[in-house]
PDB file of N, CA and C in Angstrom:
ATOM      1  N   UNK A   1       5.679  -0.201 -14.478  1.00  0.00           N
ATOM      2  CA  UNK A   1       5.240   1.119 -14.144  1.00  0.00           C
ATOM      3  C   UNK A   1       4.618   1.146 -12.750  1.00  0.00           C
ATOM      4  N   UNK A   2       3.677   0.267 -12.461  1.00  0.00           N
ATOM      5  CA  UNK A   2       3.051   0.225 -11.147  1.00  0.00           C
ATOM      6  C   UNK A   2       4.039  -0.205 -10.076  1.00  0.00           C
ATOM      7  N   UNK A   3       4.853  -1.193 -10.402  1.00  0.00           N
ATOM      8  CA  UNK A   3       5.842  -1.681  -9.435  1.00  0.00           C
ATOM      9  C   UNK A   3       6.845  -0.571  -9.117  1.00  0.00           C
ATOM     10  N   UNK A   4       7.317   0.127 -10.124  1.00  0.00           N
ATOM     11  CA  UNK A   4       8.270   1.219  -9.896  1.00  0.00           C
ATOM     12  C   UNK A   4       7.650   2.292  -9.008  1.00  0.00           C
ATOM     13  N   UNK A   5       6.385   2.598  -9.239  1.00  0.00           N
ATOM     14  CA  UNK A   5       5.689   3.573  -8.407  1.00  0.00           C
ATOM     15  C   UNK A   5       5.595   3.072  -6.967  1.00  0.00           C
ATOM     16  N   UNK A   6       5.305   1.773  -6.803  1.00  0.00           N
ATOM     17  CA  UNK A   6       5.213   1.186  -5.472  1.00  0.00           C
ATOM     18  C   UNK A   6       6.543   1.177  -4.741  1.00  0.00           C
ATOM     19  N   UNK A   7       7.613   0.866  -5.458  1.00  0.00           N
ATOM     20  CA  UNK A   7       8.945   0.865  -4.857  1.00  0.00           C
ATOM     21  C   UNK A   7       9.291   2.279  -4.394  1.00  0.00           C
ATOM     22  N   UNK A   8       8.997   3.268  -5.210  1.00  0.00           N
ATOM     23  CA  UNK A   8       9.274   4.658  -4.818  1.00  0.00           C
ATOM     24  C   UNK A   8       8.478   5.038  -3.579  1.00  0.00           C
ATOM     25  N   UNK A   9       7.243   4.581  -3.516  1.00  0.00           N
ATOM     26  CA  UNK A   9       6.404   4.885  -2.348  1.00  0.00           C
ATOM     27  C   UNK A   9       6.955   4.196  -1.105  1.00  0.00           C
ATOM     28  N   UNK A  10       7.411   2.962  -1.245  1.00  0.00           N
ATOM     29  CA  UNK A  10       8.010   2.244  -0.118  1.00  0.00           C
ATOM     30  C   UNK A  10       9.298   2.909   0.342  1.00  0.00           C
ATOM     31  N   UNK A  11      10.098   3.346  -0.600  1.00  0.00           N
ATOM     32  CA  UNK A  11      11.346   4.038  -0.242  1.00  0.00           C
ATOM     33  C   UNK A  11      11.070   5.344   0.486  1.00  0.00           C
ATOM     34  N   UNK A  12       9.960   5.987   0.162  1.00  0.00           N
ATOM     35  CA  UNK A  12       9.591   7.222   0.855  1.00  0.00           C
ATOM     36  C   UNK A  12       9.330   6.974   2.343  1.00  0.00           C
ATOM     37  N   UNK A  13       9.040   5.724   2.687  1.00  0.00           N
ATOM     38  CA  UNK A  13       8.854   5.340   4.092  1.00  0.00           C
ATOM     39  C   UNK A  13      10.161   4.835   4.705  1.00  0.00           C
ATOM     40  N   UNK A  14      11.241   4.928   3.966  1.00  0.00           N
ATOM     41  CA  UNK A  14      12.543   4.536   4.478  1.00  0.00           C
ATOM     42  C   UNK A  14      12.921   3.094   4.230  1.00  0.00           C
ATOM     43  N   UNK A  15      12.077   2.345   3.526  1.00  0.00           N
ATOM     44  CA  UNK A  15      12.384   0.941   3.254  1.00  0.00           C
ATOM     45  C   UNK A  15      13.550   0.840   2.279  1.00  0.00           C
ATOM     46  N   UNK A  16      14.487  -0.046   2.589  1.00  0.00           N
ATOM     47  CA  UNK A  16      15.642  -0.239   1.711  1.00  0.00           C
ATOM     48  C   UNK A  16      15.845  -1.700   1.339  1.00  0.00           C
ATOM     49  N   UNK A  17      15.436  -2.611   2.198  1.00  0.00           N
ATOM     50  CA  UNK A  17      15.615  -4.030   1.901  1.00  0.00           C
ATOM     51  C   UNK A  17      14.695  -4.419   0.743  1.00  0.00           C
ATOM     52  N   UNK A  18      15.225  -5.206  -0.182  1.00  0.00           N
ATOM     53  CA  UNK A  18      14.411  -5.662  -1.310  1.00  0.00           C
ATOM     54  C   UNK A  18      13.190  -6.429  -0.828  1.00  0.00           C
ATOM     55  N   UNK A  19      13.364  -7.277   0.173  1.00  0.00           N
ATOM     56  CA  UNK A  19      12.236  -8.070   0.681  1.00  0.00           C
ATOM     57  C   UNK A  19      11.135  -7.176   1.241  1.00  0.00           C
ATOM     58  N   UNK A  20      11.511  -6.100   1.907  1.00  0.00           N
ATOM     59  CA  UNK A  20      10.517  -5.173   2.454  1.00  0.00           C
ATOM     60  C   UNK A  20       9.825  -4.388   1.350  1.00  0.00           C
ATOM     61  N   UNK A  21      10.582  -3.992   0.356  1.00  0.00           N
ATOM     62  CA  UNK A  21       9.982  -3.272  -0.764  1.00  0.00           C
ATOM     63  C   UNK A  21       9.021  -4.166  -1.532  1.00  0.00           C
ATOM     64  N   UNK A  22       9.389  -5.421  -1.702  1.00  0.00           N
ATOM     65  CA  UNK A  22       8.494  -6.372  -2.369  1.00  0.00           C
ATOM     66  C   UNK A  22       7.210  -6.525  -1.556  1.00  0.00           C
ATOM     67  N   UNK A  23       7.328  -6.688  -0.262  1.00  0.00           N
ATOM     68  CA  UNK A  23       6.151  -6.837   0.608  1.00  0.00           C
ATOM     69  C   UNK A  23       5.278  -5.589   0.546  1.00  0.00           C
ATOM     70  N   UNK A  24       5.888  -4.412   0.550  1.00  0.00           N
ATOM     71  CA  UNK A  24       5.150  -3.163   0.476  1.00  0.00           C
ATOM     72  C   UNK A  24       4.340  -3.105  -0.822  1.00  0.00           C
ATOM     73  N   UNK A  25       5.002  -3.416  -1.938  1.00  0.00           N
ATOM     74  CA  UNK A  25       4.313  -3.394  -3.227  1.00  0.00           C
ATOM     75  C   UNK A  25       3.215  -4.461  -3.263  1.00  0.00           C
ATOM     76  N   UNK A  26       3.474  -5.620  -2.697  1.00  0.00           N
ATOM     77  CA  UNK A  26       2.431  -6.661  -2.616  1.00  0.00           C
ATOM     78  C   UNK A  26       1.204  -6.138  -1.878  1.00  0.00           C
ATOM     79  N   UNK A  27       1.428  -5.426  -0.783  1.00  0.00           N
ATOM     80  CA  UNK A  27       0.309  -4.868  -0.032  1.00  0.00           C
ATOM     81  C   UNK A  27      -0.445  -3.829  -0.849  1.00  0.00           C
ATOM     82  N   UNK A  28       0.282  -3.068  -1.647  1.00  0.00           N
ATOM     83  CA  UNK A  28      -0.375  -2.094  -2.518  1.00  0.00           C
ATOM     84  C   UNK A  28      -1.303  -2.795  -3.512  1.00  0.00           C
ATOM     85  N   UNK A  29      -0.803  -3.893  -4.101  1.00  0.00           N
ATOM     86  CA  UNK A  29      -1.622  -4.637  -5.072  1.00  0.00           C
ATOM     87  C   UNK A  29      -2.770  -5.374  -4.395  1.00  0.00           C
ATOM     88  N   UNK A  30      -2.527  -5.937  -3.236  1.00  0.00           N
ATOM     89  CA  UNK A  30      -3.533  -6.762  -2.575  1.00  0.00           C
ATOM     90  C   UNK A  30      -4.633  -5.953  -1.900  1.00  0.00           C
ATOM     91  N   UNK A  31      -4.305  -4.736  -1.467  1.00  0.00           N
ATOM     92  CA  UNK A  31      -5.307  -3.962  -0.722  1.00  0.00           C
ATOM     93  C   UNK A  31      -5.664  -2.675  -1.454  1.00  0.00           C
ATOM     94  N   UNK A  32      -4.745  -1.742  -1.468  1.00  0.00           N
ATOM     95  CA  UNK A  32      -4.952  -0.457  -2.138  1.00  0.00           C
ATOM     96  C   UNK A  32      -3.595   0.226  -2.283  1.00  0.00           C
ATOM     97  N   UNK A  33      -3.386   0.939  -3.382  1.00  0.00           N
ATOM     98  CA  UNK A  33      -2.099   1.600  -3.553  1.00  0.00           C
ATOM     99  C   UNK A  33      -1.859   2.700  -2.517  1.00  0.00           C
ATOM    100  N   UNK A  34      -2.915   3.125  -1.874  1.00  0.00           N
ATOM    101  CA  UNK A  34      -2.824   4.153  -0.845  1.00  0.00           C
ATOM    102  C   UNK A  34      -2.980   3.571   0.557  1.00  0.00           C
ATOM    103  N   UNK A  35      -2.700   2.264   0.730  1.00  0.00           N
ATOM    104  CA  UNK A  35      -2.883   1.623   2.035  1.00  0.00           C
ATOM    105  C   UNK A  35      -2.086   2.322   3.123  1.00  0.00           C
ATOM    106  N   UNK A  36      -0.968   2.921   2.744  1.00  0.00           N
ATOM    107  CA  UNK A  36      -0.100   3.567   3.727  1.00  0.00           C
ATOM    108  C   UNK A  36      -0.652   4.899   4.232  1.00  0.00           C
ATOM    109  N   UNK A  37      -1.771   5.363   3.669  1.00  0.00           N
ATOM    110  CA  UNK A  37      -2.415   6.592   4.135  1.00  0.00           C
ATOM    111  C   UNK A  37      -3.476   6.317   5.198  1.00  0.00           C
ATOM    112  N   UNK A  38      -3.840   5.042   5.387  1.00  0.00           N
ATOM    113  CA  UNK A  38      -4.841   4.702   6.400  1.00  0.00           C
ATOM    114  C   UNK A  38      -4.264   5.083   7.767  1.00  0.00           C
ATOM    115  N   UNK A  39      -5.035   5.762   8.626  1.00  0.00           N
ATOM    116  CA  UNK A  39      -4.477   6.338   9.855  1.00  0.00           C
ATOM    117  C   UNK A  39      -3.614   5.414  10.713  1.00  0.00           C
ATOM    118  N   UNK A  40      -4.097   4.235  11.060  1.00  0.00           N
ATOM    119  CA  UNK A  40      -3.285   3.377  11.939  1.00  0.00           C
ATOM    120  C   UNK A  40      -2.051   2.853  11.210  1.00  0.00           C
ATOM    121  N   UNK A  41      -2.187   2.584   9.933  1.00  0.00           N
ATOM    122  CA  UNK A  41      -1.037   2.110   9.151  1.00  0.00           C
ATOM    123  C   UNK A  41      -0.030   3.245   8.988  1.00  0.00           C
ATOM    124  N   UNK A  42      -0.512   4.424   8.685  1.00  0.00           N
ATOM    125  CA  UNK A  42       0.371   5.592   8.555  1.00  0.00           C
ATOM    126  C   UNK A  42       1.156   5.808   9.858  1.00  0.00           C
ATOM    127  N   UNK A  43       0.461   5.690  10.996  1.00  0.00           N
ATOM    128  CA  UNK A  43       1.129   5.866  12.291  1.00  0.00           C
ATOM    129  C   UNK A  43       2.186   4.793  12.524  1.00  0.00           C
ATOM    130  N   UNK A  44       1.875   3.567  12.171  1.00  0.00           N
ATOM    131  CA  UNK A  44       2.846   2.477  12.353  1.00  0.00           C
ATOM    132  C   UNK A  44       4.074   2.675  11.460  1.00  0.00           C
ATOM    133  N   UNK A  45       3.855   3.134  10.251  1.00  0.00           N
ATOM    134  CA  UNK A  45       4.971   3.367   9.334  1.00  0.00           C
ATOM    135  C   UNK A  45       5.816   4.572   9.741  1.00  0.00           C
ATOM    136  N   UNK A  46       5.284   5.410  10.590  1.00  0.00           N
ATOM    137  CA  UNK A  46       6.009   6.603  11.037  1.00  0.00           C
ATOM    138  C   UNK A  46       6.649   6.422  12.416  1.00  0.00           C
ATOM    139  N   UNK A  47       6.536   5.245  13.005  1.00  0.00           N
ATOM    140  CA  UNK A  47       7.058   4.993  14.347  1.00  0.00           C
ATOM    141  C   UNK A  47       8.583   5.059  14.349  1.00  0.00           C
ATOM    142  N   UNK A  48       9.109   6.174  14.821  1.00  0.00           N
ATOM    143  CA  UNK A  48      10.556   6.412  14.778  1.00  0.00           C
ATOM    144  C   UNK A  48      11.344   5.515  15.729  1.00  0.00           C
ATOM    145  N   UNK A  49      10.655   4.799  16.615  1.00  0.00           N
ATOM    146  CA  UNK A  49      11.380   3.925  17.540  1.00  0.00           C
ATOM    147  C   UNK A  49      11.738   2.583  16.908  1.00  0.00           C
ATOM    148  N   UNK A  50      11.268   2.340  15.688  1.00  0.00           N
ATOM    149  CA  UNK A  50      11.556   1.089  14.979  1.00  0.00           C
ATOM    150  C   UNK A  50      12.278   1.389  13.669  1.00  0.00           C
ATOM    151  N   UNK A  51      13.025   0.412  13.171  1.00  0.00           N
ATOM    152  CA  UNK A  51      13.611   0.542  11.841  1.00  0.00           C
ATOM    153  C   UNK A  51      12.478   0.488  10.819  1.00  0.00           C
ATOM    154  N   UNK A  52      12.690   1.027   9.632  1.00  0.00           N
ATOM    155  CA  UNK A  52      11.626   0.980   8.617  1.00  0.00           C
ATOM    156  C   UNK A  52      11.126  -0.444   8.352  1.00  0.00           C
ATOM    157  N   UNK A  53      12.044  -1.405   8.308  1.00  0.00           N
ATOM    158  CA  UNK A  53      11.620  -2.783   8.040  1.00  0.00           C
ATOM    159  C   UNK A  53      10.761  -3.330   9.183  1.00  0.00           C
ATOM    160  N   UNK A  54      11.098  -2.979  10.415  1.00  0.00           N
ATOM    161  CA  UNK A  54      10.284  -3.424  11.548  1.00  0.00           C
ATOM    162  C   UNK A  54       8.945  -2.704  11.580  1.00  0.00           C
ATOM    163  N   UNK A  55       8.927  -1.483  11.086  1.00  0.00           N
ATOM    164  CA  UNK A  55       7.653  -0.757  10.990  1.00  0.00           C
ATOM    165  C   UNK A  55       6.703  -1.491  10.054  1.00  0.00           C
ATOM    166  N   UNK A  56       7.224  -1.938   8.919  1.00  0.00           N
ATOM    167  CA  UNK A  56       6.390  -2.665   7.970  1.00  0.00           C
ATOM    168  C   UNK A  56       5.922  -3.986   8.579  1.00  0.00           C
ATOM    169  N   UNK A  57       6.808  -4.666   9.280  1.00  0.00           N
ATOM    170  CA  UNK A  57       6.422  -5.902   9.958  1.00  0.00           C
ATOM    171  C   UNK A  57       5.331  -5.627  10.982  1.00  0.00           C
ATOM    172  N   UNK A  58       5.423  -4.493  11.653  1.00  0.00           N
ATOM    173  CA  UNK A  58       4.424  -4.089  12.632  1.00  0.00           C
ATOM    174  C   UNK A  58       3.071  -3.867  11.947  1.00  0.00           C
ATOM    175  N   UNK A  59       3.097  -3.250  10.783  1.00  0.00           N
ATOM    176  CA  UNK A  59       1.864  -3.045  10.018  1.00  0.00           C
ATOM    177  C   UNK A  59       1.209  -4.392   9.718  1.00  0.00           C
ATOM    178  N   UNK A  60       2.008  -5.319   9.240  1.00  0.00           N
ATOM    179  CA  UNK A  60       1.479  -6.630   8.860  1.00  0.00           C
ATOM    180  C   UNK A  60       0.946  -7.382  10.077  1.00  0.00           C
ATOM    181  N   UNK A  61       1.668  -7.313  11.174  1.00  0.00           N
ATOM    182  CA  UNK A  61       1.280  -8.062  12.371  1.00  0.00           C
ATOM    183  C   UNK A  61       0.088  -7.460  13.114  1.00  0.00           C
ATOM    184  N   UNK A  62      -0.041  -6.143  13.102  1.00  0.00           N
ATOM    185  CA  UNK A  62      -1.028  -5.495  13.962  1.00  0.00           C
ATOM    186  C   UNK A  62      -2.279  -4.972  13.265  1.00  0.00           C
ATOM    187  N   UNK A  63      -2.269  -4.884  11.949  1.00  0.00           N
ATOM    188  CA  UNK A  63      -3.443  -4.381  11.246  1.00  0.00           C
ATOM    189  C   UNK A  63      -4.524  -5.454  11.256  1.00  0.00           C
ATOM    190  N   UNK A  64      -5.702  -5.069  11.717  1.00  0.00           N
ATOM    191  CA  UNK A  64      -6.810  -6.017  11.862  1.00  0.00           C
ATOM    192  C   UNK A  64      -7.541  -6.216  10.535  1.00  0.00           C
ATOM    193  N   UNK A  65      -8.302  -7.278  10.475  1.00  0.00           N
ATOM    194  CA  UNK A  65      -9.090  -7.546   9.267  1.00  0.00           C
ATOM    195  C   UNK A  65     -10.054  -6.398   8.954  1.00  0.00           C
ATOM    196  N   UNK A  66     -10.770  -5.853   9.952  1.00  0.00           N
ATOM    197  CA  UNK A  66     -11.628  -4.701   9.625  1.00  0.00           C
ATOM    198  C   UNK A  66     -10.842  -3.492   9.102  1.00  0.00           C
ATOM    199  N   UNK A  67      -9.634  -3.292   9.606  1.00  0.00           N
ATOM    200  CA  UNK A  67      -8.810  -2.203   9.086  1.00  0.00           C
ATOM    201  C   UNK A  67      -8.429  -2.467   7.639  1.00  0.00           C
ATOM    202  N   UNK A  68      -8.023  -3.712   7.332  1.00  0.00           N
ATOM    203  CA  UNK A  68      -7.677  -4.032   5.938  1.00  0.00           C
ATOM    204  C   UNK A  68      -8.887  -3.833   5.033  1.00  0.00           C
ATOM    205  N   UNK A  69     -10.074  -4.193   5.525  1.00  0.00           N
ATOM    206  CA  UNK A  69     -11.279  -3.988   4.715  1.00  0.00           C
ATOM    207  C   UNK A  69     -11.507  -2.503   4.466  1.00  0.00           C
ATOM    208  N   UNK A  70     -11.288  -1.682   5.481  1.00  0.00           N
ATOM    209  CA  UNK A  70     -11.436  -0.236   5.315  1.00  0.00           C
ATOM    210  C   UNK A  70     -10.402   0.301   4.327  1.00  0.00           C
ATOM    211  N   UNK A  71      -9.205  -0.254   4.374  1.00  0.00           N
ATOM    212  CA  UNK A  71      -8.170   0.131   3.410  1.00  0.00           C
ATOM    213  C   UNK A  71      -8.648  -0.185   1.993  1.00  0.00           C
ATOM    214  N   UNK A  72      -9.149  -1.392   1.797  1.00  0.00           N
ATOM    215  CA  UNK A  72      -9.639  -1.792   0.466  1.00  0.00           C
ATOM    216  C   UNK A  72     -10.778  -0.889   0.008  1.00  0.00           C
ATOM    217  N   UNK A  73     -11.649  -0.528   0.947  1.00  0.00           N
ATOM    218  CA  UNK A  73     -12.780   0.338   0.613  1.00  0.00           C
ATOM    219  C   UNK A  73     -12.339   1.749   0.226  1.00  0.00           C
ATOM    220  N   UNK A  74     -11.150   2.151   0.670  1.00  0.00           N
ATOM    221  CA  UNK A  74     -10.666   3.501   0.368  1.00  0.00           C
ATOM    222  C   UNK A  74      -9.678   3.512  -0.803  1.00  0.00           C
ATOM    223  N   UNK A  75      -9.717   2.470  -1.630  1.00  0.00           N
ATOM    224  CA  UNK A  75      -8.831   2.332  -2.783  1.00  0.00           C
ATOM    225  C   UNK A  75      -8.828   3.598  -3.624  1.00  0.00           C
ATOM    226  N   UNK A  76      -7.647   4.149  -3.856  1.00  0.00           N
ATOM    227  CA  UNK A  76      -7.499   5.335  -4.684  1.00  0.00           C
ATOM    228  C   UNK A  76      -6.532   5.023  -5.827  1.00  0.00           C
ATOM    229  N   UNK A  77      -7.037   4.806  -7.031  1.00  0.00           N
ATOM    230  CA  UNK A  77      -6.154   4.451  -8.143  1.00  0.00           C
ATOM    231  C   UNK A  77      -5.130   5.538  -8.458  1.00  0.00           C
ATOM    232  N   UNK A  78      -5.395   6.763  -8.064  1.00  0.00           N
ATOM    233  CA  UNK A  78      -4.451   7.842  -8.336  1.00  0.00           C
ATOM    234  C   UNK A  78      -3.178   7.701  -7.499  1.00  0.00           C
ATOM    235  N   UNK A  79      -3.214   6.896  -6.455  1.00  0.00           N
ATOM    236  CA  UNK A  79      -2.024   6.678  -5.629  1.00  0.00           C
ATOM    237  C   UNK A  79      -0.938   5.925  -6.386  1.00  0.00           C
ATOM    238  N   UNK A  80      -1.291   5.328  -7.519  1.00  0.00           N
ATOM    239  CA  UNK A  80      -0.278   4.660  -8.332  1.00  0.00           C
ATOM    240  C   UNK A  80       0.608   5.678  -9.039  1.00  0.00           C
ATOM    241  N   UNK A  81       0.223   6.952  -8.991  1.00  0.00           N
ATOM    242  CA  UNK A  81       0.994   8.013  -9.622  1.00  0.00           C
ATOM    243  C   UNK A  81       1.160   7.744 -11.120  1.00  0.00           C
ATOM    244  N   UNK A  82       0.012   7.481 -11.756  1.00  0.00           N
ATOM    245  CA  UNK A  82       0.013   7.196 -13.196  1.00  0.00           C
ATOM    246  C   UNK A  82      -0.880   8.197 -13.927  1.00  0.00           C
ATOM    247  N   UNK A  83      -0.896   8.097 -15.211  1.00  0.00           N
ATOM    248  CA  UNK A  83      -1.738   8.933 -16.058  1.00  0.00           C
ATOM    249  C   UNK A  83      -3.197   8.777 -15.624  1.00  0.00           C
ATOM    250  N   UNK A  84      -3.883   9.874 -15.306  1.00  0.00           N
ATOM    251  CA  UNK A  84      -5.280   9.799 -14.851  1.00  0.00           C
ATOM    252  C   UNK A  84      -6.210   9.100 -15.827  1.00  0.00           C
ATOM    253  N   UNK A  85      -5.862   9.089 -17.097  1.00  0.00           N
ATOM    254  CA  UNK A  85      -6.704   8.410 -18.090  1.00  0.00           C
ATOM    255  C   UNK A  85      -6.729   6.904 -17.820  1.00  0.00           C
ATOM    256  N   UNK A  86      -5.633   6.356 -17.275  1.00  0.00           N
ATOM    257  CA  UNK A  86      -5.563   4.926 -17.007  1.00  0.00           C
ATOM    258  C   UNK A  86      -6.219   4.531 -15.685  1.00  0.00           C
ATOM    259  N   UNK A  87      -6.397   5.463 -14.783  1.00  0.00           N
ATOM    260  CA  UNK A  87      -6.912   5.151 -13.447  1.00  0.00           C
ATOM    261  C   UNK A  87      -8.287   4.484 -13.464  1.00  0.00           C
ATOM    262  N   UNK A  88      -9.272   4.964 -14.214  1.00  0.00           N
ATOM    263  CA  UNK A  88     -10.573   4.284 -14.211  1.00  0.00           C
ATOM    264  C   UNK A  88     -10.485   2.826 -14.672  1.00  0.00           C
ATOM    265  N   UNK A  89      -9.621   2.572 -15.648  1.00  0.00           N
ATOM    266  CA  UNK A  89      -9.449   1.202 -16.128  1.00  0.00           C
ATOM    267  C   UNK A  89      -8.847   0.322 -15.034  1.00  0.00           C
ATOM    268  N   UNK A  90      -7.894   0.844 -14.286  1.00  0.00           N
ATOM    269  CA  UNK A  90      -7.308   0.078 -13.179  1.00  0.00           C
ATOM    270  C   UNK A  90      -8.358  -0.259 -12.134  1.00  0.00           C
ATOM    271  N   UNK A  91      -9.194   0.703 -11.787  1.00  0.00           N
ATOM    272  CA  UNK A  91     -10.231   0.479 -10.790  1.00  0.00           C
ATOM    273  C   UNK A  91     -11.237  -0.550 -11.282  1.00  0.00           C
ATOM    274  N   UNK A  92     -11.573  -0.486 -12.556  1.00  0.00           N
ATOM    275  CA  UNK A  92     -12.505  -1.444 -13.134  1.00  0.00           C
ATOM    276  C   UNK A  92     -11.908  -2.856 -13.125  1.00  0.00           C
ATOM    277  N   UNK A  93     -10.645  -2.987 -13.487  1.00  0.00           N
ATOM    278  CA  UNK A  93      -9.984  -4.300 -13.476  1.00  0.00           C
ATOM    279  C   UNK A  93      -9.908  -4.851 -12.061  1.00  0.00           C
ATOM    280  N   UNK A  94      -9.631  -3.984 -11.085  1.00  0.00           N
ATOM    281  CA  UNK A  94      -9.581  -4.419  -9.690  1.00  0.00           C
ATOM    282  C   UNK A  94     -10.949  -4.945  -9.269  1.00  0.00           C
ATOM    283  N   UNK A  95     -12.001  -4.228  -9.631  1.00  0.00           N
ATOM    284  CA  UNK A  95     -13.362  -4.651  -9.262  1.00  0.00           C
ATOM    285  C   UNK A  95     -13.688  -6.007  -9.882  1.00  0.00           C
ATOM    286  N   UNK A  96     -13.293  -6.202 -11.128  1.00  0.00           N
ATOM    287  CA  UNK A  96     -13.546  -7.486 -11.788  1.00  0.00           C
ATOM    288  C   UNK A  96     -12.761  -8.610 -11.114  1.00  0.00           C
ATOM    289  N   UNK A  97     -11.510  -8.356 -10.793  1.00  0.00           N
ATOM    290  CA  UNK A  97     -10.656  -9.378 -10.184  1.00  0.00           C
ATOM    291  C   UNK A  97     -11.146  -9.764  -8.791  1.00  0.00           C
ATOM    292  N   UNK A  98     -11.665  -8.801  -8.061  1.00  0.00           N
ATOM    293  CA  UNK A  98     -12.104  -9.053  -6.672  1.00  0.00           C
ATOM    294  C   UNK A  98     -13.591  -9.386  -6.605  1.00  0.00           C
ATOM    295  N   UNK A  99     -14.274  -9.375  -7.753  1.00  0.00           N
ATOM    296  CA  UNK A  99     -15.710  -9.669  -7.755  1.00  0.00           C
ATOM    297  C   UNK A  99     -16.524  -8.584  -7.098  1.00  0.00           C
ATOM    298  N   UNK A 100     -16.094  -7.342  -7.243  1.00  0.00           N
ATOM    299  CA  UNK A 100     -16.794  -6.212  -6.612  1.00  0.00           C
ATOM    300  C   UNK A 100     -17.800  -5.604  -7.556  1.00  0.00           C
TER     301      UNK A 100
END
């Protein structure tokens, strides 16, 4: 369910390669399901001068540690596009896993 939601979100950014979709979903799990809404990341993913796969590579290469921390701090469980009843449990599990 979460992976399917992540793949759909990655495809919305034009990603088609399986490897890129996997990386996109990994970033959703590792940081926040809404990581692609962070301003600099959103801008990089929208860069029309690059292919979608190169845009994602650009995100990975150029996003700084403080930016990733800000992404994690802005975690929105509703970005998983799931039943709202499950969202608090997801956030709680994330906090436990990350020691937050």
